[in-house]
C-alpha cells in the first residue's frame, strides 16, 4: 500500500463512505421505515469530514455534510422527527453530538437555522436528569447511570455553545461532567476509567460498593480523552476548573501510553492486552492517537509524547487495506455496545465491522490532526 499524507488518507476514508451512501442515508438508516437518525454515528464521521474540509476547502465534502444535516433540520431550524422520515430523541445524550456540525455550517452559510438547533440541543440540557453530583444520566430511562461515552456526546457541544453564545454557566456544566466521571469512574489498578458508574450500586453491572462497572472499554476511553481535549479548546484561561481539566487529560493520556501495544494500537479492553480473546481495535486507537497528538500541540503533554502519537497513527495505517474498487477499508472496528453485564467476555465478544462510522469517523478525526511536513512527518 502506497503511503499517503494524513489528509489524503482522511480524504480517501470520506470518499469511501460518500460513494457507498447518499448523505441522507448515512447509517443508522432504516430502509424499511424510510427513517434515518440524527445521531452521534453520523456526527462523529461528519465532524471529521468537516475538519478535512477546513484544511482542503474541497466543496464536495462541505456539500455532503450540509446535505445530511439539511435532511434532518427543517426550514424553521427544528430537528425533524418521524413525521418526515428522520429521528432524534433527546432522551439520551447520544443524539446531541451532531450539534457540533451546526456552527461550522453557520460560519459558511450564515443560516440562522443551524444556530437554532445548537441552542435547542444545549439549552434543553438544563432539564436533563442528573445524579446527585451533577453528572448527566446517559439515558433518561436509565436512572443514575453515567457512561463514559456521554462526555463526547454532550461535552464539546456544551463548551462550544458557552463560547460562541457567551454563556459561561455552560463552561461549568461541561467541566462538571469531566470531573464527576474522573472522580467516580477511575479504576485504581489500571489508572484508567471504567465504562460506567451508577451511584447507588444497585444495577447488575455495578460494583455494589463503588457503583463502577468492571472493565476499561477502549472506545469509551477514547471518547473521553477526545472529548476533553476538544472541550479545552473552548474553556477560557480564567475558568477556575481549566487547570484541573488539563491535569486530568495529561494523567490519562500518559497512562494510556503505558498500555499501547508494540504495534502502535490499543486493545478492545485496554488494560488486558495479554488476555485470551482480546483484540486490537481501531476506533479507540484512532481516538487516543488524536487526543495524544492534539494534547502535545496544545502544550498539555511534553513533546516526547509525539512518538506515541506517531506510533499510534502508523499502527492504524498498517492495518488498512483496499477493496476491489480501490476504496479504503478500515477494519477491526467494534460495533456499538451497551454495558450489559459488563464483564470481560461481553467486550471481547462484540462484533467487528469494516468502515463502521464509529471507526471511520475516529479515523478521519485522527488524520485531520496530523499535517504533512510537521514534526510528525518531517521531509
Protein backbone atom coordinates (compact mmCIF):
# COMPACT_ATOMS: atom_id res chain seq x y z
CA UNK A 1 0.00 0.00 0.00
CA UNK A 2 1.42 3.36 -1.02
CA UNK A 3 1.83 5.65 1.97
CA UNK A 4 -0.18 8.86 1.66
CA UNK A 5 -0.24 12.03 3.72
CA UNK A 6 -2.62 12.02 6.69
CA UNK A 7 -5.01 14.40 4.95
CA UNK A 8 -5.01 12.17 1.86
CA UNK A 9 -5.89 9.17 3.99
CA UNK A 10 -8.69 11.13 5.66
CA UNK A 11 -9.96 12.25 2.28
CA UNK A 12 -9.96 8.66 1.00
CA UNK A 13 -11.94 7.47 4.02
CA UNK A 14 -14.50 10.18 3.33
CA UNK A 15 -14.66 9.17 -0.32
CA UNK A 16 -15.31 5.54 0.61
CA UNK A 17 -18.35 6.50 2.68
CA UNK A 18 -19.60 9.10 0.18
CA UNK A 19 -19.55 6.54 -2.63
CA UNK A 20 -21.45 4.00 -0.58
CA UNK A 21 -24.15 6.19 0.96
CA UNK A 22 -26.24 9.13 -0.11
CA UNK A 23 -25.88 11.70 2.66
CA UNK A 24 -29.45 11.39 3.96
CA UNK A 25 -29.00 7.60 4.18
CA UNK A 26 -25.89 7.53 6.30
CA UNK A 27 -26.28 4.67 8.77
CA UNK A 28 -28.03 4.00 11.03
CA UNK A 29 -30.77 4.26 8.39
CA UNK A 30 -33.83 2.05 8.45
CA UNK A 31 -34.77 1.39 4.82
CA UNK A 32 -38.00 -0.39 5.65
CA UNK A 33 -39.21 2.65 7.57
CA UNK A 34 -37.56 5.24 5.31
CA UNK A 35 -36.15 6.59 8.56
CA UNK A 36 -32.73 8.00 9.38
CA UNK A 37 -31.28 9.06 12.68
CA UNK A 38 -29.84 12.32 13.95
CA UNK A 39 -27.15 10.59 15.99
CA UNK A 40 -23.52 10.53 17.01
CA UNK A 41 -22.67 7.75 14.50
CA UNK A 42 -23.10 10.19 11.62
CA UNK A 43 -22.00 13.12 13.78
CA UNK A 44 -18.50 11.83 14.54
CA UNK A 45 -17.88 10.94 10.90
CA UNK A 46 -19.12 14.28 9.61
CA UNK A 47 -17.18 16.13 12.31
CA UNK A 48 -14.06 14.51 10.90
CA UNK A 49 -15.16 15.34 7.37
CA UNK A 50 -15.57 18.97 8.38
CA UNK A 51 -12.00 19.00 9.73
CA UNK A 52 -10.73 17.72 6.36
CA UNK A 53 -12.85 20.33 4.57
CA UNK A 54 -11.37 23.09 6.71
CA UNK A 55 -7.89 22.06 5.56
CA UNK A 56 -8.63 21.29 1.89
CA UNK A 57 -11.66 23.50 1.13
CA UNK A 58 -12.98 20.76 -1.16
CA UNK A 59 -16.57 21.80 -1.71
CA UNK A 60 -17.99 18.30 -2.13
CA UNK A 61 -17.07 17.49 1.47
CA UNK A 62 -18.94 20.50 2.75
CA UNK A 63 -21.91 19.80 0.48
CA UNK A 64 -22.18 16.22 1.74
CA UNK A 65 -22.12 17.29 5.38
CA UNK A 66 -24.68 20.02 4.71
CA UNK A 67 -26.97 17.66 2.80
CA UNK A 68 -27.09 15.24 5.74
CA UNK A 69 -27.84 18.00 8.23
CA UNK A 70 -30.47 19.53 5.97
CA UNK A 71 -32.22 16.16 5.73
CA UNK A 72 -32.80 16.45 9.49
CA UNK A 73 -33.30 20.20 10.01
CA UNK A 74 -36.37 21.92 8.61
CA UNK A 75 -36.82 25.46 7.32
CA UNK A 76 -37.59 26.69 10.85
CA UNK A 77 -34.47 25.29 12.43
CA UNK A 78 -36.26 22.35 14.04
CA UNK A 79 -34.88 18.81 14.06
CA UNK A 80 -37.34 16.76 12.05
CA UNK A 81 -38.81 13.67 13.71
CA UNK A 82 -40.64 10.59 12.47
CA UNK A 83 -43.24 12.58 10.61
CA UNK A 84 -40.66 13.49 7.98
CA UNK A 85 -38.64 10.30 7.89
CA UNK A 86 -35.96 11.21 10.41
CA UNK A 87 -35.48 10.53 14.07
CA UNK A 88 -33.95 12.32 17.02
CA UNK A 89 -34.57 11.59 20.68
CA UNK A 90 -33.34 13.88 23.41
CA UNK A 91 -33.96 11.10 25.92
CA UNK A 92 -30.30 10.15 25.51
CA UNK A 93 -27.05 12.10 25.24
CA UNK A 94 -26.15 10.26 22.02
CA UNK A 95 -28.37 12.39 19.81
CA UNK A 96 -26.92 15.75 20.81
CA UNK A 97 -23.44 15.23 19.36
CA UNK A 98 -24.35 16.21 15.75
CA UNK A 99 -24.93 19.71 17.06
CA UNK A 100 -21.17 20.14 16.66
CA UNK A 101 -21.78 20.39 12.91
CA UNK A 102 -24.04 23.39 13.23
CA UNK A 103 -21.52 26.11 13.98
CA UNK A 104 -19.20 25.34 11.02
CA UNK A 105 -22.30 25.24 8.80
CA UNK A 106 -23.38 28.61 10.14
CA UNK A 107 -19.90 30.05 9.60
CA UNK A 108 -20.05 29.10 5.93
CA UNK A 109 -23.70 29.94 5.22
CA UNK A 110 -24.84 32.42 7.92
CA UNK A 111 -28.07 30.41 8.02
CA UNK A 112 -29.62 31.02 11.43
CA UNK A 113 -31.42 27.66 11.34
CA UNK A 114 -28.22 26.00 12.45
CA UNK A 115 -27.83 28.24 15.47
CA UNK A 116 -31.41 27.42 16.47
CA UNK A 117 -30.52 23.74 16.54
CA UNK A 118 -27.46 24.28 18.75
CA UNK A 119 -29.43 26.43 21.16
CA UNK A 120 -32.17 23.82 21.43
CA UNK A 121 -29.79 20.91 21.96
CA UNK A 122 -27.75 22.62 24.67
CA UNK A 123 -30.33 24.72 26.48
CA UNK A 124 -32.52 21.63 26.92
CA UNK A 125 -29.73 20.09 29.00
CA UNK A 126 -30.90 22.32 31.84
CA UNK A 127 -33.85 19.96 32.24
CA UNK A 128 -31.93 16.74 31.62
CA UNK A 129 -31.71 14.37 34.63
CA UNK A 130 -28.52 14.23 36.68
CA UNK A 131 -27.24 12.19 39.59
CA UNK A 132 -26.53 13.74 42.98
CA UNK A 133 -23.13 15.01 41.83
CA UNK A 134 -24.49 16.80 38.77
CA UNK A 135 -23.49 14.14 36.27
CA UNK A 136 -25.84 13.50 33.35
CA UNK A 137 -27.58 10.15 33.14
CA UNK A 138 -26.64 8.55 29.84
CA UNK A 139 -30.31 7.98 29.06
CA UNK A 140 -33.33 9.36 30.87
CA UNK A 141 -34.73 5.87 31.39
CA UNK A 142 -31.50 4.61 33.00
CA UNK A 143 -31.62 6.14 36.45
CA UNK A 144 -28.28 7.44 37.73
CA UNK A 145 -26.19 5.66 35.07
CA UNK A 146 -23.23 7.59 33.70
CA UNK A 147 -21.43 6.12 30.69
CA UNK A 148 -18.02 7.39 29.67
CA UNK A 149 -19.27 7.76 26.07
CA UNK A 150 -21.58 10.54 27.20
CA UNK A 151 -18.77 13.07 27.56
CA UNK A 152 -18.17 13.07 23.83
CA UNK A 153 -21.88 13.17 23.09
CA UNK A 154 -22.67 16.29 25.10
CA UNK A 155 -19.42 17.80 26.39
CA UNK A 156 -17.81 19.53 23.38
CA UNK A 157 -21.11 20.93 22.09
CA UNK A 158 -21.87 22.37 25.53
CA UNK A 159 -18.45 24.04 25.78
CA UNK A 160 -18.71 25.31 22.20
CA UNK A 161 -22.12 26.79 22.92
CA UNK A 162 -20.79 28.52 26.04
CA UNK A 163 -18.02 30.10 23.98
CA UNK A 164 -19.98 31.12 20.89
CA UNK A 165 -23.04 32.41 22.76
CA UNK A 166 -21.23 33.90 25.76
CA UNK A 167 -22.99 31.61 28.24
CA UNK A 168 -20.32 30.93 30.90
CA UNK A 169 -22.60 28.75 33.01
CA UNK A 170 -22.26 26.09 30.34
CA UNK A 171 -18.48 26.03 30.74
CA UNK A 172 -19.08 24.86 34.29
CA UNK A 173 -21.66 22.32 33.13
CA UNK A 174 -19.21 20.74 30.69
CA UNK A 175 -16.36 20.77 33.22
CA UNK A 176 -18.58 19.15 35.83
CA UNK A 177 -19.20 16.15 33.57
CA UNK A 178 -15.45 15.67 33.09
CA UNK A 179 -14.70 15.82 36.79
CA UNK A 180 -17.61 13.69 38.02
CA UNK A 181 -16.63 10.93 35.60
CA UNK A 182 -12.97 11.11 36.54
CA UNK A 183 -13.60 11.09 40.28
CA UNK A 184 -16.14 8.26 40.24
CA UNK A 185 -15.08 6.03 37.34
CA UNK A 186 -11.34 5.76 37.88
CA UNK A 187 -10.03 2.23 38.23
CA UNK A 188 -7.26 2.47 40.79
CA UNK A 189 -5.45 -0.61 39.48
CA UNK A 190 -5.08 0.50 35.87
CA UNK A 191 -5.28 4.26 36.39
CA UNK A 192 -7.88 4.47 33.61
CA UNK A 193 -11.65 4.99 33.62
CA UNK A 194 -14.18 2.19 33.52
CA UNK A 195 -17.08 2.27 31.09
CA UNK A 196 -19.86 3.10 33.54
CA UNK A 197 -20.84 4.25 37.01
CA UNK A 198 -24.18 4.01 38.81
CA UNK A 199 -24.02 5.82 42.12
CA UNK A 200 -26.42 3.57 44.07
CA UNK A 201 -24.62 0.36 43.13
CA UNK A 202 -27.93 -1.42 42.65
CA UNK A 203 -27.82 -2.20 38.93
CA UNK A 204 -26.45 -5.56 37.88
CA UNK A 205 -23.19 -4.43 36.29
CA UNK A 206 -22.26 -2.01 39.08
CA UNK A 207 -20.00 -2.85 41.98
CA UNK A 208 -22.35 -2.59 45.00
CA UNK A 209 -19.78 -0.59 46.98
CA UNK A 210 -18.34 1.72 44.32
CA UNK A 211 -21.03 1.70 41.61
CA UNK A 212 -18.32 1.17 38.97
CA UNK A 213 -18.56 -1.24 36.06
CA UNK A 214 -15.84 -3.84 35.65
CA UNK A 215 -13.87 -3.05 32.51
CA UNK A 216 -11.98 -0.29 30.68
CA UNK A 217 -13.56 -0.35 27.23
CA UNK A 218 -11.29 1.09 24.55
CA UNK A 219 -13.71 3.27 22.63
CA UNK A 220 -15.27 4.73 25.77
CA UNK A 221 -11.80 5.69 26.97
CA UNK A 222 -11.10 7.15 23.53
CA UNK A 223 -14.33 9.15 23.55
CA UNK A 224 -13.39 10.64 26.92
CA UNK A 225 -9.87 11.83 26.06
CA UNK A 226 -11.01 13.08 22.65
CA UNK A 227 -13.92 14.99 24.18
CA UNK A 228 -11.75 16.52 26.88
CA UNK A 229 -9.02 17.76 24.55
CA UNK A 230 -11.76 19.34 22.40
CA UNK A 231 -13.60 20.84 25.38
CA UNK A 232 -10.36 22.58 26.35
CA UNK A 233 -10.47 24.47 23.03
CA UNK A 234 -13.35 26.47 24.47
CA UNK A 235 -12.71 26.66 28.22
CA UNK A 236 -11.22 30.13 28.89
CA UNK A 237 -7.94 30.59 30.71
CA UNK A 238 -9.68 32.33 33.59
CA UNK A 239 -12.03 29.40 34.23
CA UNK A 240 -11.13 28.02 37.66
CA UNK A 241 -11.55 24.40 36.55
CA UNK A 242 -9.38 24.66 33.41
CA UNK A 243 -6.12 23.59 35.07
CA UNK A 244 -7.82 20.61 36.69
CA UNK A 245 -9.17 19.52 33.31
CA UNK A 246 -5.69 19.78 31.77
CA UNK A 247 -4.23 17.74 34.62
CA UNK A 248 -6.84 15.01 34.10
CA UNK A 249 -6.16 14.84 30.36
CA UNK A 250 -2.41 14.73 30.91
CA UNK A 251 -2.66 11.97 33.51
CA UNK A 252 -4.95 9.76 31.47
CA UNK A 253 -3.01 10.11 28.23
CA UNK A 254 0.26 9.35 29.95
CA UNK A 255 -1.35 6.28 31.46
CA UNK A 256 -2.83 5.16 28.13
CA UNK A 257 0.63 5.22 26.57
CA UNK A 258 1.67 2.57 29.09
CA UNK A 259 -0.93 0.25 27.57
CA UNK A 260 -0.05 0.92 23.92
CA UNK A 261 0.72 -2.30 22.05
CA UNK A 262 4.04 -2.62 20.26
CA UNK A 263 2.06 -2.39 17.01
CA UNK A 264 1.01 1.13 18.00
CA UNK A 265 -2.65 0.32 18.58
CA UNK A 266 -4.71 -0.22 21.71
CA UNK A 267 -6.85 -3.17 22.80
CA UNK A 268 -10.62 -3.51 23.00
CA UNK A 269 -10.22 -3.96 26.77
CA UNK A 270 -7.37 -1.53 27.19
CA UNK A 271 -5.58 -2.83 30.26
CA UNK A 272 -5.84 -6.57 29.46
CA UNK A 273 -3.86 -6.84 26.26
CA UNK A 274 -2.35 -10.18 27.16
CA UNK A 275 -5.59 -11.95 27.99
CA UNK A 276 -7.17 -14.56 25.75
CA UNK A 277 -9.64 -13.22 23.22
CA UNK A 278 -8.69 -9.56 23.49
CA UNK A 279 -8.05 -7.80 20.19
CA UNK A 280 -6.56 -4.61 18.79
CA UNK A 281 -9.35 -2.18 17.97
CA UNK A 282 -9.13 0.70 15.50
CA UNK A 283 -11.71 3.21 16.70
CA UNK A 284 -10.19 3.52 20.16
CA UNK A 285 -6.69 3.57 18.66
CA UNK A 286 -7.65 6.48 16.39
CA UNK A 287 -9.34 8.46 19.16
CA UNK A 288 -6.46 8.02 21.62
CA UNK A 289 -3.94 8.92 18.91
CA UNK A 290 -5.95 12.04 18.03
CA UNK A 291 -6.01 13.13 21.66
CA UNK A 292 -2.28 12.48 22.12
CA UNK A 293 -1.30 14.47 19.04
CA UNK A 294 -3.55 17.39 19.88
CA UNK A 295 -2.52 17.45 23.55
CA UNK A 296 1.13 17.75 22.55
CA UNK A 297 0.37 20.51 20.06
CA UNK A 298 -1.60 22.40 22.70
CA UNK A 299 1.15 22.02 25.28
CA UNK A 300 -0.79 19.77 27.65
CA UNK A 301 1.76 16.97 27.15
CA UNK A 302 5.54 17.05 26.76
CA UNK A 303 6.88 16.87 23.16
CA UNK A 304 8.23 13.33 23.64
CA UNK A 305 4.65 12.05 23.56
CA UNK A 306 4.62 12.81 19.84
CA UNK A 307 6.37 9.48 19.42
CA UNK A 308 3.41 7.62 20.94
CA UNK A 309 1.06 9.55 18.66
CA UNK A 310 3.18 8.79 15.61
CA UNK A 311 3.33 5.12 16.58
CA UNK A 312 -0.45 5.04 17.03
CA UNK A 313 -1.04 6.64 13.67
CA UNK A 314 1.32 4.26 11.87
CA UNK A 315 -0.20 1.27 13.64
CA UNK A 316 -3.65 2.12 12.34
CA UNK A 317 -2.35 2.88 8.83
CA UNK A 318 -0.61 -0.50 8.74
CA UNK A 319 -3.97 -2.22 9.38
CA UNK A 320 -5.73 -0.65 6.38
CA UNK A 321 -6.43 -2.28 3.04
CA UNK A 322 -8.27 -1.55 -0.23
CA UNK A 323 -11.23 -3.35 -1.75
CA UNK A 324 -11.50 -4.43 -5.39
CA UNK A 325 -12.73 -0.95 -6.32
CA UNK A 326 -9.74 0.71 -4.74
CA UNK A 327 -11.72 2.12 -1.80
CA UNK A 328 -10.05 2.38 1.57
CA UNK A 329 -11.16 -0.20 4.13
CA UNK A 330 -10.87 0.33 7.88
CA UNK A 331 -11.37 -2.92 9.77
CA UNK A 332 -11.15 -4.03 13.41
CA UNK A 333 -13.92 -1.65 14.49
CA UNK A 334 -16.04 -2.66 17.44
CA UNK A 335 -19.76 -2.40 16.75
CA UNK A 336 -21.67 -0.29 19.26
CA UNK A 337 -22.13 -1.70 22.71
CA UNK A 338 -24.04 -1.13 25.91
CA UNK A 339 -22.57 -2.18 29.25
CA UNK A 340 -25.00 -5.10 29.79
CA UNK A 341 -23.39 -7.39 32.38
CA UNK A 342 -20.12 -5.50 31.89
CA UNK A 343 -17.71 -8.43 32.20
CA UNK A 344 -14.63 -9.12 30.10
CA UNK A 345 -16.38 -11.62 27.83
CA UNK A 346 -19.03 -9.07 26.96
CA UNK A 347 -16.50 -6.69 25.44
CA UNK A 348 -14.21 -9.14 23.66
CA UNK A 349 -17.18 -10.91 22.07
CA UNK A 350 -18.57 -7.77 20.47
CA UNK A 351 -18.61 -7.97 16.69
CA UNK A 352 -16.01 -6.43 14.40
CA UNK A 353 -17.04 -4.22 11.49
CA UNK A 354 -15.40 -2.63 8.45
CA UNK A 355 -15.94 1.09 7.77
CA UNK A 356 -18.47 1.37 10.58
CA UNK A 357 -18.91 5.10 11.18
CA UNK A 358 -17.63 4.79 14.75
CA UNK A 359 -14.27 3.82 13.31
CA UNK A 360 -14.33 5.76 10.03
CA UNK A 361 -15.21 8.91 11.94
CA UNK A 362 -12.47 8.34 14.51
CA UNK A 363 -10.01 7.65 11.68
CA UNK A 364 -10.84 10.86 9.82
CA UNK A 365 -10.57 12.85 13.05
CA UNK A 366 -7.14 11.34 13.68
CA UNK A 367 -5.95 12.11 10.15
CA UNK A 368 -7.19 15.70 10.39
CA UNK A 369 -4.97 16.33 13.40
CA UNK A 370 -1.77 15.48 11.55
CA UNK A 371 -0.34 17.77 8.92
CA UNK A 372 2.21 16.82 6.34
CA UNK A 373 5.75 18.13 6.89
CA UNK A 374 5.21 18.86 10.56
CA UNK A 375 7.24 17.35 13.38
CA UNK A 376 5.41 14.03 12.99
CA UNK A 377 6.04 13.80 9.27
CA UNK A 378 9.33 15.58 8.51
CA UNK A 379 10.60 15.98 4.98
